[in-house]
């Protein structure tokens, strides 16, 4: 997709929350469509505490990057 200048925005930090959403919005602007494939899957690296985490127990650094990424996504799109 380099002909469209698509890339992951390296300003997303930490766990890169919203990085994929941002990329998908860029991708849609090319005119291509994103299709759902029920057979597709991926494996996320697990959290020590399970599949979900409680942000109130996270470090200040995690919380900063989490909100930074959400704000960046909102400002860009």
PDB file of N, CA and C in Angstrom:
ATOM      1  N   UNK A   1       0.818  -1.192   0.000  1.00  0.00           N
ATOM      2  CA  UNK A   1       0.000   0.000   0.000  1.00  0.00           C
ATOM      3  C   UNK A   1       0.865   1.261   0.000  1.00  0.00           C
ATOM      4  N   UNK A   2       2.144   1.099  -0.303  1.00  0.00           N
ATOM      5  CA  UNK A   2       3.033   2.253  -0.315  1.00  0.00           C
ATOM      6  C   UNK A   2       2.645   3.269  -1.388  1.00  0.00           C
ATOM      7  N   UNK A   3       1.955   2.836  -2.436  1.00  0.00           N
ATOM      8  CA  UNK A   3       1.539   3.779  -3.475  1.00  0.00           C
ATOM      9  C   UNK A   3       0.558   4.807  -2.926  1.00  0.00           C
ATOM     10  N   UNK A   4      -0.108   4.496  -1.807  1.00  0.00           N
ATOM     11  CA  UNK A   4      -1.051   5.424  -1.177  1.00  0.00           C
ATOM     12  C   UNK A   4      -0.441   6.137   0.019  1.00  0.00           C
ATOM     13  N   UNK A   5       0.805   5.863   0.324  1.00  0.00           N
ATOM     14  CA  UNK A   5       1.452   6.505   1.458  1.00  0.00           C
ATOM     15  C   UNK A   5       0.958   5.997   2.806  1.00  0.00           C
ATOM     16  N   UNK A   6       0.430   4.782   2.818  1.00  0.00           N
ATOM     17  CA  UNK A   6      -0.086   4.225   4.066  1.00  0.00           C
ATOM     18  C   UNK A   6       1.041   3.692   4.931  1.00  0.00           C
ATOM     19  N   UNK A   7       0.952   3.978   6.199  1.00  0.00           N
ATOM     20  CA  UNK A   7       1.918   3.442   7.151  1.00  0.00           C
ATOM     21  C   UNK A   7       1.323   3.564   8.546  1.00  0.00           C
ATOM     22  N   UNK A   8       1.900   2.826   9.468  1.00  0.00           N
ATOM     23  CA  UNK A   8       1.493   2.974  10.854  1.00  0.00           C
ATOM     24  C   UNK A   8       2.143   4.229  11.402  1.00  0.00           C
ATOM     25  N   UNK A   9       1.369   5.043  12.095  1.00  0.00           N
ATOM     26  CA  UNK A   9       1.852   6.306  12.648  1.00  0.00           C
ATOM     27  C   UNK A   9       2.702   6.006  13.885  1.00  0.00           C
ATOM     28  N   UNK A  10       3.970   6.334  13.807  1.00  0.00           N
ATOM     29  CA  UNK A  10       4.895   6.020  14.893  1.00  0.00           C
ATOM     30  C   UNK A  10       4.727   6.923  16.102  1.00  0.00           C
ATOM     31  N   UNK A  11       3.806   7.885  16.028  1.00  0.00           N
ATOM     32  CA  UNK A  11       3.538   8.721  17.199  1.00  0.00           C
ATOM     33  C   UNK A  11       2.686   7.993  18.234  1.00  0.00           C
ATOM     34  N   UNK A  12       2.029   6.901  17.831  1.00  0.00           N
ATOM     35  CA  UNK A  12       1.303   6.089  18.815  1.00  0.00           C
ATOM     36  C   UNK A  12       2.331   5.413  19.699  1.00  0.00           C
ATOM     37  N   UNK A  13       2.088   5.420  20.987  1.00  0.00           N
ATOM     38  CA  UNK A  13       3.092   4.970  21.947  1.00  0.00           C
ATOM     39  C   UNK A  13       2.629   3.758  22.731  1.00  0.00           C
ATOM     40  N   UNK A  14       3.577   3.208  23.498  1.00  0.00           N
ATOM     41  CA  UNK A  14       3.271   2.134  24.443  1.00  0.00           C
ATOM     42  C   UNK A  14       2.672   0.934  23.758  1.00  0.00           C
ATOM     43  N   UNK A  15       1.495   0.556  24.212  1.00  0.00           N
ATOM     44  CA  UNK A  15       0.826  -0.614  23.646  1.00  0.00           C
ATOM     45  C   UNK A  15       0.203  -0.305  22.291  1.00  0.00           C
ATOM     46  N   UNK A  16       0.362   0.936  21.830  1.00  0.00           N
ATOM     47  CA  UNK A  16      -0.126   1.375  20.512  1.00  0.00           C
ATOM     48  C   UNK A  16      -1.634   1.243  20.382  1.00  0.00           C
ATOM     49  N   UNK A  17      -2.355   1.474  21.479  1.00  0.00           N
ATOM     50  CA  UNK A  17      -3.814   1.498  21.441  1.00  0.00           C
ATOM     51  C   UNK A  17      -4.253   2.512  20.400  1.00  0.00           C
ATOM     52  N   UNK A  18      -5.145   2.140  19.525  1.00  0.00           N
ATOM     53  CA  UNK A  18      -5.726   2.940  18.441  1.00  0.00           C
ATOM     54  C   UNK A  18      -4.876   2.994  17.184  1.00  0.00           C
ATOM     55  N   UNK A  19      -3.714   2.381  17.190  1.00  0.00           N
ATOM     56  CA  UNK A  19      -2.863   2.389  15.996  1.00  0.00           C
ATOM     57  C   UNK A  19      -3.560   1.695  14.827  1.00  0.00           C
ATOM     58  N   UNK A  20      -4.175   0.547  15.100  1.00  0.00           N
ATOM     59  CA  UNK A  20      -4.857  -0.186  14.023  1.00  0.00           C
ATOM     60  C   UNK A  20      -6.078   0.571  13.524  1.00  0.00           C
ATOM     61  N   UNK A  21      -6.817   1.206  14.438  1.00  0.00           N
ATOM     62  CA  UNK A  21      -7.996   1.979  14.032  1.00  0.00           C
ATOM     63  C   UNK A  21      -7.597   3.115  13.109  1.00  0.00           C
ATOM     64  N   UNK A  22      -6.517   3.796  13.454  1.00  0.00           N
ATOM     65  CA  UNK A  22      -6.018   4.888  12.629  1.00  0.00           C
ATOM     66  C   UNK A  22      -5.628   4.380  11.247  1.00  0.00           C
ATOM     67  N   UNK A  23      -4.930   3.257  11.188  1.00  0.00           N
ATOM     68  CA  UNK A  23      -4.519   2.687   9.910  1.00  0.00           C
ATOM     69  C   UNK A  23      -5.744   2.317   9.068  1.00  0.00           C
ATOM     70  N   UNK A  24      -6.748   1.729   9.689  1.00  0.00           N
ATOM     71  CA  UNK A  24      -7.956   1.346   8.944  1.00  0.00           C
ATOM     72  C   UNK A  24      -8.664   2.560   8.362  1.00  0.00           C
ATOM     73  N   UNK A  25      -8.702   3.654   9.098  1.00  0.00           N
ATOM     74  CA  UNK A  25      -9.323   4.869   8.572  1.00  0.00           C
ATOM     75  C   UNK A  25      -8.537   5.414   7.385  1.00  0.00           C
ATOM     76  N   UNK A  26      -7.212   5.351   7.456  1.00  0.00           N
ATOM     77  CA  UNK A  26      -6.386   5.757   6.308  1.00  0.00           C
ATOM     78  C   UNK A  26      -6.669   4.853   5.115  1.00  0.00           C
ATOM     79  N   UNK A  27      -6.736   3.560   5.376  1.00  0.00           N
ATOM     80  CA  UNK A  27      -6.955   2.567   4.327  1.00  0.00           C
ATOM     81  C   UNK A  27      -8.280   2.814   3.605  1.00  0.00           C
ATOM     82  N   UNK A  28      -9.325   3.113   4.354  1.00  0.00           N
ATOM     83  CA  UNK A  28     -10.640   3.343   3.753  1.00  0.00           C
ATOM     84  C   UNK A  28     -10.641   4.538   2.809  1.00  0.00           C
ATOM     85  N   UNK A  29      -9.785   5.520   3.061  1.00  0.00           N
ATOM     86  CA  UNK A  29      -9.710   6.701   2.195  1.00  0.00           C
ATOM     87  C   UNK A  29      -9.163   6.373   0.811  1.00  0.00           C
ATOM     88  N   UNK A  30      -8.537   5.205   0.646  1.00  0.00           N
ATOM     89  CA  UNK A  30      -7.997   4.813  -0.658  1.00  0.00           C
ATOM     90  C   UNK A  30      -9.089   4.327  -1.596  1.00  0.00           C
ATOM     91  N   UNK A  31     -10.267   4.040  -1.045  1.00  0.00           N
ATOM     92  CA  UNK A  31     -11.354   3.505  -1.861  1.00  0.00           C
ATOM     93  C   UNK A  31     -11.484   1.995  -1.753  1.00  0.00           C
ATOM     94  N   UNK A  32     -10.463   1.342  -1.199  1.00  0.00           N
ATOM     95  CA  UNK A  32     -10.560  -0.096  -0.955  1.00  0.00           C
ATOM     96  C   UNK A  32     -11.503  -0.351   0.203  1.00  0.00           C
ATOM     97  N   UNK A  33     -11.999  -1.554   0.303  1.00  0.00           N
ATOM     98  CA  UNK A  33     -12.904  -1.916   1.387  1.00  0.00           C
ATOM     99  C   UNK A  33     -12.227  -2.890   2.337  1.00  0.00           C
ATOM    100  N   UNK A  34     -12.628  -2.814   3.573  1.00  0.00           N
ATOM    101  CA  UNK A  34     -12.164  -3.751   4.591  1.00  0.00           C
ATOM    102  C   UNK A  34     -13.260  -4.787   4.768  1.00  0.00           C
ATOM    103  N   UNK A  35     -12.905  -6.039   4.601  1.00  0.00           N
ATOM    104  CA  UNK A  35     -13.878  -7.124   4.684  1.00  0.00           C
ATOM    105  C   UNK A  35     -13.691  -7.921   5.956  1.00  0.00           C
ATOM    106  N   UNK A  36     -14.775  -8.408   6.486  1.00  0.00           N
ATOM    107  CA  UNK A  36     -14.764  -9.283   7.651  1.00  0.00           C
ATOM    108  C   UNK A  36     -14.595 -10.719   7.184  1.00  0.00           C
ATOM    109  N   UNK A  37     -13.669 -11.429   7.765  1.00  0.00           N
ATOM    110  CA  UNK A  37     -13.472 -12.843   7.458  1.00  0.00           C
ATOM    111  C   UNK A  37     -13.607 -13.624   8.760  1.00  0.00           C
ATOM    112  N   UNK A  38     -14.687 -14.384   8.916  1.00  0.00           N
ATOM    113  CA  UNK A  38     -14.909 -15.118  10.167  1.00  0.00           C
ATOM    114  C   UNK A  38     -13.851 -16.193  10.432  1.00  0.00           C
ATOM    115  N   UNK A  39     -13.077 -16.561   9.430  1.00  0.00           N
ATOM    116  CA  UNK A  39     -12.026 -17.569   9.613  1.00  0.00           C
ATOM    117  C   UNK A  39     -10.701 -16.952  10.074  1.00  0.00           C
ATOM    118  N   UNK A  40     -10.581 -15.645   9.964  1.00  0.00           N
ATOM    119  CA  UNK A  40      -9.330 -14.979  10.345  1.00  0.00           C
ATOM    120  C   UNK A  40      -9.229 -14.878  11.865  1.00  0.00           C
ATOM    121  N   UNK A  41      -8.017 -14.936  12.364  1.00  0.00           N
ATOM    122  CA  UNK A  41      -7.801 -14.771  13.802  1.00  0.00           C
ATOM    123  C   UNK A  41      -6.379 -14.292  14.053  1.00  0.00           C
ATOM    124  N   UNK A  42      -6.138 -13.810  15.254  1.00  0.00           N
ATOM    125  CA  UNK A  42      -4.793 -13.432  15.657  1.00  0.00           C
ATOM    126  C   UNK A  42      -4.630 -13.789  17.121  1.00  0.00           C
ATOM    127  N   UNK A  43      -3.402 -13.830  17.553  1.00  0.00           N
ATOM    128  CA  UNK A  43      -3.105 -14.164  18.942  1.00  0.00           C
ATOM    129  C   UNK A  43      -2.442 -12.951  19.586  1.00  0.00           C
ATOM    130  N   UNK A  44      -3.091 -12.409  20.618  1.00  0.00           N
ATOM    131  CA  UNK A  44      -2.502 -11.304  21.380  1.00  0.00           C
ATOM    132  C   UNK A  44      -1.631 -11.874  22.486  1.00  0.00           C
ATOM    133  N   UNK A  45      -0.571 -11.174  22.798  1.00  0.00           N
ATOM    134  CA  UNK A  45       0.232 -11.563  23.953  1.00  0.00           C
ATOM    135  C   UNK A  45      -0.608 -11.335  25.201  1.00  0.00           C
ATOM    136  N   UNK A  46      -0.598 -12.278  26.110  1.00  0.00           N
ATOM    137  CA  UNK A  46      -1.462 -12.209  27.283  1.00  0.00           C
ATOM    138  C   UNK A  46      -0.977 -11.252  28.353  1.00  0.00           C
ATOM    139  N   UNK A  47      -1.904 -10.780  29.149  1.00  0.00           N
ATOM    140  CA  UNK A  47      -1.612  -9.978  30.332  1.00  0.00           C
ATOM    141  C   UNK A  47      -1.304 -10.919  31.487  1.00  0.00           C
ATOM    142  N   UNK A  48      -0.436 -10.500  32.381  1.00  0.00           N
ATOM    143  CA  UNK A  48      -0.127 -11.319  33.557  1.00  0.00           C
ATOM    144  C   UNK A  48      -1.366 -11.589  34.403  1.00  0.00           C
ATOM    145  N   UNK A  49      -2.300 -10.638  34.397  1.00  0.00           N
ATOM    146  CA  UNK A  49      -3.497 -10.756  35.229  1.00  0.00           C
ATOM    147  C   UNK A  49      -4.682 -11.369  34.494  1.00  0.00           C
ATOM    148  N   UNK A  50      -4.498 -11.770  33.273  1.00  0.00           N
ATOM    149  CA  UNK A  50      -5.613 -12.338  32.509  1.00  0.00           C
ATOM    150  C   UNK A  50      -5.804 -11.589  31.205  1.00  0.00           C
ATOM    151  N   UNK A  51      -6.948 -11.797  30.568  1.00  0.00           N
ATOM    152  CA  UNK A  51      -7.168 -11.209  29.247  1.00  0.00           C
ATOM    153  C   UNK A  51      -7.559  -9.749  29.309  1.00  0.00           C
ATOM    154  N   UNK A  52      -8.028  -9.270  30.445  1.00  0.00           N
ATOM    155  CA  UNK A  52      -8.412  -7.875  30.598  1.00  0.00           C
ATOM    156  C   UNK A  52      -7.528  -7.233  31.661  1.00  0.00           C
ATOM    157  N   UNK A  53      -7.421  -5.944  31.608  1.00  0.00           N
ATOM    158  CA  UNK A  53      -6.658  -5.255  32.637  1.00  0.00           C
ATOM    159  C   UNK A  53      -7.470  -4.113  33.200  1.00  0.00           C
ATOM    160  N   UNK A  54      -7.162  -3.732  34.392  1.00  0.00           N
ATOM    161  CA  UNK A  54      -7.831  -2.643  35.075  1.00  0.00           C
ATOM    162  C   UNK A  54      -6.909  -1.435  35.016  1.00  0.00           C
ATOM    163  N   UNK A  55      -7.286  -0.416  34.243  1.00  0.00           N
ATOM    164  CA  UNK A  55      -6.392   0.724  34.041  1.00  0.00           C
ATOM    165  C   UNK A  55      -6.082   1.437  35.347  1.00  0.00           C
ATOM    166  N   UNK A  56      -6.969   1.339  36.348  1.00  0.00           N
ATOM    167  CA  UNK A  56      -6.700   2.037  37.603  1.00  0.00           C
ATOM    168  C   UNK A  56      -5.506   1.439  38.339  1.00  0.00           C
ATOM    169  N   UNK A  57      -5.115   0.230  37.987  1.00  0.00           N
ATOM    170  CA  UNK A  57      -3.964  -0.397  38.640  1.00  0.00           C
ATOM    171  C   UNK A  57      -2.697  -0.257  37.807  1.00  0.00           C
ATOM    172  N   UNK A  58      -2.802   0.376  36.671  1.00  0.00           N
ATOM    173  CA  UNK A  58      -1.644   0.530  35.793  1.00  0.00           C
ATOM    174  C   UNK A  58      -0.763   1.686  36.237  1.00  0.00           C
ATOM    175  N   UNK A  59       0.438   1.678  35.750  1.00  0.00           N
ATOM    176  CA  UNK A  59       1.392   2.743  36.065  1.00  0.00           C
ATOM    177  C   UNK A  59       0.968   4.054  35.411  1.00  0.00           C
ATOM    178  N   UNK A  60       1.531   5.119  35.892  1.00  0.00           N
ATOM    179  CA  UNK A  60       1.291   6.438  35.309  1.00  0.00           C
ATOM    180  C   UNK A  60       1.735   6.465  33.855  1.00  0.00           C
ATOM    181  N   UNK A  61       2.847   5.799  33.555  1.00  0.00           N
ATOM    182  CA  UNK A  61       3.337   5.757  32.174  1.00  0.00           C
ATOM    183  C   UNK A  61       2.319   5.095  31.254  1.00  0.00           C
ATOM    184  N   UNK A  62       1.737   3.980  31.685  1.00  0.00           N
ATOM    185  CA  UNK A  62       0.733   3.304  30.859  1.00  0.00           C
ATOM    186  C   UNK A  62      -0.470   4.212  30.646  1.00  0.00           C
ATOM    187  N   UNK A  63      -0.952   4.825  31.711  1.00  0.00           N
ATOM    188  CA  UNK A  63      -2.124   5.691  31.601  1.00  0.00           C
ATOM    189  C   UNK A  63      -1.839   6.863  30.669  1.00  0.00           C
ATOM    190  N   UNK A  64      -0.643   7.441  30.770  1.00  0.00           N
ATOM    191  CA  UNK A  64      -0.279   8.556  29.893  1.00  0.00           C
ATOM    192  C   UNK A  64      -0.313   8.129  28.431  1.00  0.00           C
ATOM    193  N   UNK A  65       0.311   6.995  28.112  1.00  0.00           N
ATOM    194  CA  UNK A  65       0.349   6.563  26.710  1.00  0.00           C
ATOM    195  C   UNK A  65      -1.035   6.158  26.215  1.00  0.00           C
ATOM    196  N   UNK A  66      -1.837   5.545  27.086  1.00  0.00           N
ATOM    197  CA  UNK A  66      -3.195   5.159  26.725  1.00  0.00           C
ATOM    198  C   UNK A  66      -3.998   6.385  26.302  1.00  0.00           C
ATOM    199  N   UNK A  67      -3.992   7.437  27.108  1.00  0.00           N
ATOM    200  CA  UNK A  67      -4.752   8.649  26.786  1.00  0.00           C
ATOM    201  C   UNK A  67      -4.100   9.453  25.669  1.00  0.00           C
ATOM    202  N   UNK A  68      -2.795   9.434  25.600  1.00  0.00           N
ATOM    203  CA  UNK A  68      -2.089  10.087  24.491  1.00  0.00           C
ATOM    204  C   UNK A  68      -2.583   9.517  23.168  1.00  0.00           C
ATOM    205  N   UNK A  69      -2.647   8.191  23.069  1.00  0.00           N
ATOM    206  CA  UNK A  69      -3.050   7.538  21.825  1.00  0.00           C
ATOM    207  C   UNK A  69      -4.500   7.836  21.473  1.00  0.00           C
ATOM    208  N   UNK A  70      -5.378   7.861  22.467  1.00  0.00           N
ATOM    209  CA  UNK A  70      -6.776   8.188  22.195  1.00  0.00           C
ATOM    210  C   UNK A  70      -6.915   9.636  21.710  1.00  0.00           C
ATOM    211  N   UNK A  71      -6.182  10.549  22.328  1.00  0.00           N
ATOM    212  CA  UNK A  71      -6.233  11.946  21.902  1.00  0.00           C
ATOM    213  C   UNK A  71      -5.664  12.121  20.502  1.00  0.00           C
ATOM    214  N   UNK A  72      -4.553  11.451  20.221  1.00  0.00           N
ATOM    215  CA  UNK A  72      -3.957  11.524  18.878  1.00  0.00           C
ATOM    216  C   UNK A  72      -4.951  11.028  17.831  1.00  0.00           C
ATOM    217  N   UNK A  73      -5.611   9.934  18.121  1.00  0.00           N
ATOM    218  CA  UNK A  73      -6.607   9.373  17.197  1.00  0.00           C
ATOM    219  C   UNK A  73      -7.739  10.381  16.959  1.00  0.00           C
ATOM    220  N   UNK A  74      -8.195  10.996  18.026  1.00  0.00           N
ATOM    221  CA  UNK A  74      -9.300  11.969  17.905  1.00  0.00           C
ATOM    222  C   UNK A  74      -8.868  13.198  17.096  1.00  0.00           C
ATOM    223  N   UNK A  75      -7.652  13.673  17.346  1.00  0.00           N
ATOM    224  CA  UNK A  75      -7.184  14.856  16.621  1.00  0.00           C
ATOM    225  C   UNK A  75      -6.968  14.583  15.129  1.00  0.00           C
ATOM    226  N   UNK A  76      -6.488  13.391  14.804  1.00  0.00           N
ATOM    227  CA  UNK A  76      -6.220  13.048  13.412  1.00  0.00           C
ATOM    228  C   UNK A  76      -7.476  12.769  12.615  1.00  0.00           C
ATOM    229  N   UNK A  77      -8.487  12.214  13.281  1.00  0.00           N
ATOM    230  CA  UNK A  77      -9.646  11.725  12.546  1.00  0.00           C
ATOM    231  C   UNK A  77     -10.929  12.386  12.993  1.00  0.00           C
TER     232      UNK A  77
END
